[in-house]
PDB file of N, CA and C in Angstrom:
ATOM      1  N   UNK A   1      90.606  97.048  80.753  1.00  0.00           N
ATOM      2  CA  UNK A   1      90.399  97.227  82.186  1.00  0.00           C
ATOM      3  C   UNK A   1      91.738  97.338  82.900  1.00  0.00           C
ATOM      4  N   UNK A   2      91.798  98.282  83.831  1.00  0.00           N
ATOM      5  CA  UNK A   2      93.014  98.468  84.601  1.00  0.00           C
ATOM      6  C   UNK A   2      92.971  97.705  85.905  1.00  0.00           C
ATOM      7  N   UNK A   3      93.874  98.059  86.761  1.00  0.00           N
ATOM      8  CA  UNK A   3      93.944  97.425  88.074  1.00  0.00           C
ATOM      9  C   UNK A   3      92.914  98.064  88.998  1.00  0.00           C
ATOM     10  N   UNK A   4      92.196  97.224  89.725  1.00  0.00           N
ATOM     11  CA  UNK A   4      91.227  97.730  90.692  1.00  0.00           C
ATOM     12  C   UNK A   4      91.960  98.353  91.872  1.00  0.00           C
ATOM     13  N   UNK A   5      91.433  99.477  92.340  1.00  0.00           N
ATOM     14  CA  UNK A   5      91.993 100.134  93.515  1.00  0.00           C
ATOM     15  C   UNK A   5      90.940 100.075  94.616  1.00  0.00           C
ATOM     16  N   UNK A   6      91.312  99.450  95.712  1.00  0.00           N
ATOM     17  CA  UNK A   6      90.404  99.324  96.842  1.00  0.00           C
ATOM     18  C   UNK A   6      91.092  99.888  98.081  1.00  0.00           C
ATOM     19  N   UNK A   7      90.474 100.909  98.645  1.00  0.00           N
ATOM     20  CA  UNK A   7      90.981 101.496  99.876  1.00  0.00           C
ATOM     21  C   UNK A   7      90.336 100.774 101.056  1.00  0.00           C
ATOM     22  N   UNK A   8      90.996 100.801 102.199  1.00  0.00           N
ATOM     23  CA  UNK A   8      90.396 100.160 103.370  1.00  0.00           C
ATOM     24  C   UNK A   8      90.695 100.941 104.644  1.00  0.00           C
ATOM     25  N   UNK A   9      89.910 100.645 105.654  1.00  0.00           N
ATOM     26  CA  UNK A   9      90.049 101.285 106.962  1.00  0.00           C
ATOM     27  C   UNK A   9      90.419 100.252 108.021  1.00  0.00           C
ATOM     28  N   UNK A  10      91.172  99.253 107.621  1.00  0.00           N
ATOM     29  CA  UNK A  10      91.515  98.165 108.539  1.00  0.00           C
ATOM     30  C   UNK A  10      92.333  98.671 109.723  1.00  0.00           C
ATOM     31  N   UNK A  11      93.364  99.446 109.440  1.00  0.00           N
ATOM     32  CA  UNK A  11      94.243  99.920 110.514  1.00  0.00           C
ATOM     33  C   UNK A  11      93.436 100.719 111.542  1.00  0.00           C
ATOM     34  N   UNK A  12      92.585 101.625 111.073  1.00  0.00           N
ATOM     35  CA  UNK A  12      91.749 102.429 111.964  1.00  0.00           C
ATOM     36  C   UNK A  12      90.854 101.533 112.810  1.00  0.00           C
ATOM     37  N   UNK A  13      90.256 100.529 112.191  1.00  0.00           N
ATOM     38  CA  UNK A  13      89.364  99.622 112.912  1.00  0.00           C
ATOM     39  C   UNK A  13      90.121  98.809 113.953  1.00  0.00           C
ATOM     40  N   UNK A  14      91.340  98.395 113.633  1.00  0.00           N
ATOM     41  CA  UNK A  14      92.134  97.632 114.610  1.00  0.00           C
ATOM     42  C   UNK A  14      92.364  98.443 115.874  1.00  0.00           C
ATOM     43  N   UNK A  15      92.691  99.725 115.704  1.00  0.00           N
ATOM     44  CA  UNK A  15      92.979 100.561 116.865  1.00  0.00           C
ATOM     45  C   UNK A  15      91.711 100.889 117.652  1.00  0.00           C
ATOM     46  N   UNK A  16      90.586 100.962 116.972  1.00  0.00           N
ATOM     47  CA  UNK A  16      89.326 101.201 117.672  1.00  0.00           C
ATOM     48  C   UNK A  16      88.836  99.953 118.402  1.00  0.00           C
ATOM     49  N   UNK A  17      89.367  98.793 118.033  1.00  0.00           N
ATOM     50  CA  UNK A  17      88.986  97.532 118.685  1.00  0.00           C
ATOM     51  C   UNK A  17      90.104  97.142 119.659  1.00  0.00           C
ATOM     52  N   UNK A  18      90.268  97.948 120.692  1.00  0.00           N
ATOM     53  CA  UNK A  18      91.250  97.673 121.753  1.00  0.00           C
ATOM     54  C   UNK A  18      92.674  97.509 121.240  1.00  0.00           C
ATOM     55  N   UNK A  19      93.026  98.302 120.233  1.00  0.00           N
ATOM     56  CA  UNK A  19      94.374  98.274 119.660  1.00  0.00           C
ATOM     57  C   UNK A  19      94.796  96.866 119.266  1.00  0.00           C
ATOM     58  N   UNK A  20      93.911  96.183 118.564  1.00  0.00           N
ATOM     59  CA  UNK A  20      94.173  94.831 118.063  1.00  0.00           C
ATOM     60  C   UNK A  20      95.442  94.820 117.208  1.00  0.00           C
ATOM     61  N   UNK A  21      96.284  93.828 117.414  1.00  0.00           N
ATOM     62  CA  UNK A  21      97.500  93.733 116.616  1.00  0.00           C
ATOM     63  C   UNK A  21      97.191  93.126 115.240  1.00  0.00           C
ATOM     64  N   UNK A  22      98.131  93.290 114.337  1.00  0.00           N
ATOM     65  CA  UNK A  22      97.983  92.678 113.016  1.00  0.00           C
ATOM     66  C   UNK A  22      97.908  91.161 113.150  1.00  0.00           C
ATOM     67  N   UNK A  23      98.689  90.595 114.043  1.00  0.00           N
ATOM     68  CA  UNK A  23      98.677  89.142 114.233  1.00  0.00           C
ATOM     69  C   UNK A  23      97.345  88.670 114.792  1.00  0.00           C
ATOM     70  N   UNK A  24      96.787  89.395 115.747  1.00  0.00           N
ATOM     71  CA  UNK A  24      95.481  89.029 116.298  1.00  0.00           C
ATOM     72  C   UNK A  24      94.400  89.060 115.223  1.00  0.00           C
ATOM     73  N   UNK A  25      94.434  90.081 114.381  1.00  0.00           N
ATOM     74  CA  UNK A  25      93.471  90.163 113.293  1.00  0.00           C
ATOM     75  C   UNK A  25      93.662  89.010 112.315  1.00  0.00           C
ATOM     76  N   UNK A  26      94.899  88.748 111.941  1.00  0.00           N
ATOM     77  CA  UNK A  26      95.186  87.645 111.014  1.00  0.00           C
ATOM     78  C   UNK A  26      94.682  86.319 111.566  1.00  0.00           C
ATOM     79  N   UNK A  27      94.951  86.061 112.835  1.00  0.00           N
ATOM     80  CA  UNK A  27      94.490  84.815 113.458  1.00  0.00           C
ATOM     81  C   UNK A  27      92.967  84.721 113.460  1.00  0.00           C
ATOM     82  N   UNK A  28      92.306  85.836 113.725  1.00  0.00           N
ATOM     83  CA  UNK A  28      90.847  85.851 113.835  1.00  0.00           C
ATOM     84  C   UNK A  28      90.155  85.631 112.490  1.00  0.00           C
ATOM     85  N   UNK A  29      90.792  86.059 111.395  1.00  0.00           N
ATOM     86  CA  UNK A  29      90.148  85.941 110.077  1.00  0.00           C
ATOM     87  C   UNK A  29      90.764  84.859 109.202  1.00  0.00           C
ATOM     88  N   UNK A  30      91.771  84.165 109.716  1.00  0.00           N
ATOM     89  CA  UNK A  30      92.336  83.030 108.992  1.00  0.00           C
ATOM     90  C   UNK A  30      93.275  83.374 107.863  1.00  0.00           C
ATOM     91  N   UNK A  31      94.162  84.339 108.109  1.00  0.00           N
ATOM     92  CA  UNK A  31      95.179  84.650 107.110  1.00  0.00           C
ATOM     93  C   UNK A  31      96.498  84.900 107.839  1.00  0.00           C
ATOM     94  N   UNK A  32      97.502  85.365 107.130  1.00  0.00           N
ATOM     95  CA  UNK A  32      98.796  85.621 107.753  1.00  0.00           C
ATOM     96  C   UNK A  32      98.935  87.101 108.095  1.00  0.00           C
ATOM     97  N   UNK A  33      99.861  87.384 108.988  1.00  0.00           N
ATOM     98  CA  UNK A  33     100.165  88.771 109.351  1.00  0.00           C
ATOM     99  C   UNK A  33     100.661  89.519 108.120  1.00  0.00           C
ATOM    100  N   UNK A  34     101.407  88.842 107.265  1.00  0.00           N
ATOM    101  CA  UNK A  34     101.917  89.474 106.047  1.00  0.00           C
ATOM    102  C   UNK A  34     100.773  89.930 105.141  1.00  0.00           C
ATOM    103  N   UNK A  35      99.683  89.167 105.119  1.00  0.00           N
ATOM    104  CA  UNK A  35      98.512  89.558 104.334  1.00  0.00           C
ATOM    105  C   UNK A  35      97.906  90.837 104.893  1.00  0.00           C
ATOM    106  N   UNK A  36      97.793  90.924 106.212  1.00  0.00           N
ATOM    107  CA  UNK A  36      97.233  92.125 106.846  1.00  0.00           C
ATOM    108  C   UNK A  36      98.132  93.325 106.561  1.00  0.00           C
ATOM    109  N   UNK A  37      99.441  93.133 106.641  1.00  0.00           N
ATOM    110  CA  UNK A  37     100.384  94.216 106.337  1.00  0.00           C
ATOM    111  C   UNK A  37     100.167  94.713 104.909  1.00  0.00           C
ATOM    112  N   UNK A  38     100.073  93.789 103.963  1.00  0.00           N
ATOM    113  CA  UNK A  38      99.879  94.147 102.560  1.00  0.00           C
ATOM    114  C   UNK A  38      98.529  94.839 102.342  1.00  0.00           C
ATOM    115  N   UNK A  39      97.485  94.373 103.016  1.00  0.00           N
ATOM    116  CA  UNK A  39      96.173  95.003 102.904  1.00  0.00           C
ATOM    117  C   UNK A  39      96.220  96.444 103.401  1.00  0.00           C
ATOM    118  N   UNK A  40      96.789  96.641 104.565  1.00  0.00           N
ATOM    119  CA  UNK A  40      96.852  97.985 105.144  1.00  0.00           C
ATOM    120  C   UNK A  40      97.684  98.931 104.295  1.00  0.00           C
ATOM    121  N   UNK A  41      98.688  98.400 103.612  1.00  0.00           N
ATOM    122  CA  UNK A  41      99.552  99.221 102.758  1.00  0.00           C
ATOM    123  C   UNK A  41      98.936  99.463 101.379  1.00  0.00           C
ATOM    124  N   UNK A  42      97.807  98.814 101.111  1.00  0.00           N
ATOM    125  CA  UNK A  42      97.165  98.969  99.811  1.00  0.00           C
ATOM    126  C   UNK A  42      97.857  98.215  98.700  1.00  0.00           C
ATOM    127  N   UNK A  43      98.655  97.213  99.056  1.00  0.00           N
ATOM    128  CA  UNK A  43      99.403  96.439  98.069  1.00  0.00           C
ATOM    129  C   UNK A  43      98.739  95.114  97.723  1.00  0.00           C
ATOM    130  N   UNK A  44      97.601  94.846  98.351  1.00  0.00           N
ATOM    131  CA  UNK A  44      96.930  93.566  98.140  1.00  0.00           C
ATOM    132  C   UNK A  44      95.427  93.783  98.213  1.00  0.00           C
ATOM    133  N   UNK A  45      94.708  93.177  97.284  1.00  0.00           N
ATOM    134  CA  UNK A  45      93.250  93.218  97.279  1.00  0.00           C
ATOM    135  C   UNK A  45      92.747  91.896  97.844  1.00  0.00           C
ATOM    136  N   UNK A  46      91.936  91.946  98.898  1.00  0.00           N
ATOM    137  CA  UNK A  46      91.497  90.698  99.528  1.00  0.00           C
ATOM    138  C   UNK A  46      90.481  89.946  98.682  1.00  0.00           C
ATOM    139  N   UNK A  47      90.402  88.651  98.913  1.00  0.00           N
ATOM    140  CA  UNK A  47      89.318  87.874  98.308  1.00  0.00           C
ATOM    141  C   UNK A  47      88.020  88.366  98.931  1.00  0.00           C
ATOM    142  N   UNK A  48      86.929  88.078  98.293  1.00  0.00           N
ATOM    143  CA  UNK A  48      85.634  88.497  98.814  1.00  0.00           C
ATOM    144  C   UNK A  48      85.377  87.866 100.185  1.00  0.00           C
ATOM    145  N   UNK A  49      85.741  86.589 100.331  1.00  0.00           N
ATOM    146  CA  UNK A  49      85.555  85.913 101.608  1.00  0.00           C
ATOM    147  C   UNK A  49      86.341  86.567 102.722  1.00  0.00           C
ATOM    148  N   UNK A  50      87.603  86.894 102.466  1.00  0.00           N
ATOM    149  CA  UNK A  50      88.438  87.538 103.479  1.00  0.00           C
ATOM    150  C   UNK A  50      87.883  88.921 103.818  1.00  0.00           C
ATOM    151  N   UNK A  51      87.452  89.654 102.822  1.00  0.00           N
ATOM    152  CA  UNK A  51      86.890  90.987 103.060  1.00  0.00           C
ATOM    153  C   UNK A  51      85.666  90.899 103.977  1.00  0.00           C
ATOM    154  N   UNK A  52      84.790  89.926 103.720  1.00  0.00           N
ATOM    155  CA  UNK A  52      83.602  89.751 104.571  1.00  0.00           C
ATOM    156  C   UNK A  52      83.999  89.348 105.988  1.00  0.00           C
ATOM    157  N   UNK A  53      84.975  88.453 106.126  1.00  0.00           N
ATOM    158  CA  UNK A  53      85.396  88.038 107.469  1.00  0.00           C
ATOM    159  C   UNK A  53      85.947  89.219 108.266  1.00  0.00           C
ATOM    160  N   UNK A  54      86.726  90.062 107.616  1.00  0.00           N
ATOM    161  CA  UNK A  54      87.285  91.242 108.291  1.00  0.00           C
ATOM    162  C   UNK A  54      86.161  92.186 108.710  1.00  0.00           C
ATOM    163  N   UNK A  55      85.264  92.488 107.792  1.00  0.00           N
ATOM    164  CA  UNK A  55      84.158  93.403 108.101  1.00  0.00           C
ATOM    165  C   UNK A  55      83.307  92.868 109.244  1.00  0.00           C
ATOM    166  N   UNK A  56      82.970  91.594 109.208  1.00  0.00           N
ATOM    167  CA  UNK A  56      82.136  91.001 110.255  1.00  0.00           C
ATOM    168  C   UNK A  56      82.831  91.009 111.609  1.00  0.00           C
ATOM    169  N   UNK A  57      84.140  90.771 111.608  1.00  0.00           N
ATOM    170  CA  UNK A  57      84.888  90.798 112.862  1.00  0.00           C
ATOM    171  C   UNK A  57      84.745  92.158 113.543  1.00  0.00           C
ATOM    172  N   UNK A  58      84.753  93.213 112.751  1.00  0.00           N
ATOM    173  CA  UNK A  58      84.633  94.557 113.294  1.00  0.00           C
ATOM    174  C   UNK A  58      83.179  94.994 113.473  1.00  0.00           C
ATOM    175  N   UNK A  59      82.235  94.122 113.102  1.00  0.00           N
ATOM    176  CA  UNK A  59      80.824  94.461 113.245  1.00  0.00           C
ATOM    177  C   UNK A  59      80.365  95.533 112.275  1.00  0.00           C
ATOM    178  N   UNK A  60      80.974  95.553 111.097  1.00  0.00           N
ATOM    179  CA  UNK A  60      80.681  96.577 110.094  1.00  0.00           C
ATOM    180  C   UNK A  60      80.202  95.938 108.801  1.00  0.00           C
ATOM    181  N   UNK A  61      79.567  96.751 107.962  1.00  0.00           N
ATOM    182  CA  UNK A  61      79.240  96.321 106.610  1.00  0.00           C
ATOM    183  C   UNK A  61      80.505  96.391 105.768  1.00  0.00           C
ATOM    184  N   UNK A  62      80.547  95.633 104.708  1.00  0.00           N
ATOM    185  CA  UNK A  62      81.713  95.594 103.830  1.00  0.00           C
ATOM    186  C   UNK A  62      82.125  96.994 103.388  1.00  0.00           C
ATOM    187  N   UNK A  63      81.145  97.817 103.021  1.00  0.00           N
ATOM    188  CA  UNK A  63      81.431  99.154 102.511  1.00  0.00           C
ATOM    189  C   UNK A  63      81.953 100.108 103.584  1.00  0.00           C
ATOM    190  N   UNK A  64      81.793  99.746 104.838  1.00  0.00           N
ATOM    191  CA  UNK A  64      82.328 100.575 105.919  1.00  0.00           C
ATOM    192  C   UNK A  64      83.820 100.332 106.115  1.00  0.00           C
ATOM    193  N   UNK A  65      84.325  99.222 105.605  1.00  0.00           N
ATOM    194  CA  UNK A  65      85.740  98.885 105.732  1.00  0.00           C
ATOM    195  C   UNK A  65      86.468  99.076 104.404  1.00  0.00           C
ATOM    196  N   UNK A  66      85.830  98.672 103.323  1.00  0.00           N
ATOM    197  CA  UNK A  66      86.471  98.708 102.003  1.00  0.00           C
ATOM    198  C   UNK A  66      85.747  99.668 101.078  1.00  0.00           C
ATOM    199  N   UNK A  67      86.529 100.430 100.309  1.00  0.00           N
ATOM    200  CA  UNK A  67      85.963 101.376  99.351  1.00  0.00           C
ATOM    201  C   UNK A  67      86.595 101.153  97.986  1.00  0.00           C
ATOM    202  N   UNK A  68      85.759 100.934  96.998  1.00  0.00           N
ATOM    203  CA  UNK A  68      86.213 100.709  95.633  1.00  0.00           C
ATOM    204  C   UNK A  68      86.342 102.055  94.931  1.00  0.00           C
ATOM    205  N   UNK A  69      87.536 102.359  94.456  1.00  0.00           N
ATOM    206  CA  UNK A  69      87.780 103.624  93.749  1.00  0.00           C
ATOM    207  C   UNK A  69      87.647 103.401  92.249  1.00  0.00           C
ATOM    208  N   UNK A  70      86.734 104.131  91.652  1.00  0.00           N
ATOM    209  CA  UNK A  70      86.507 103.986  90.217  1.00  0.00           C
ATOM    210  C   UNK A  70      87.368 104.946  89.431  1.00  0.00           C
TER     211      UNK A  70
END
């Protein structure tokens, strides 16, 4: 098994939600700004809990924010 590749639409969602900053998102979902930076850059795969918190914050289903590339 190789490394999982998960794409996300976090940056797009932040801007659609009143141009939310990375820090505001991090505070709202209980992580650091550095984590959000890494997620948006595709350098970090979130835990399932963090992924759900992000999706729920934006009022979306998990699959609307995160896409698993096979």
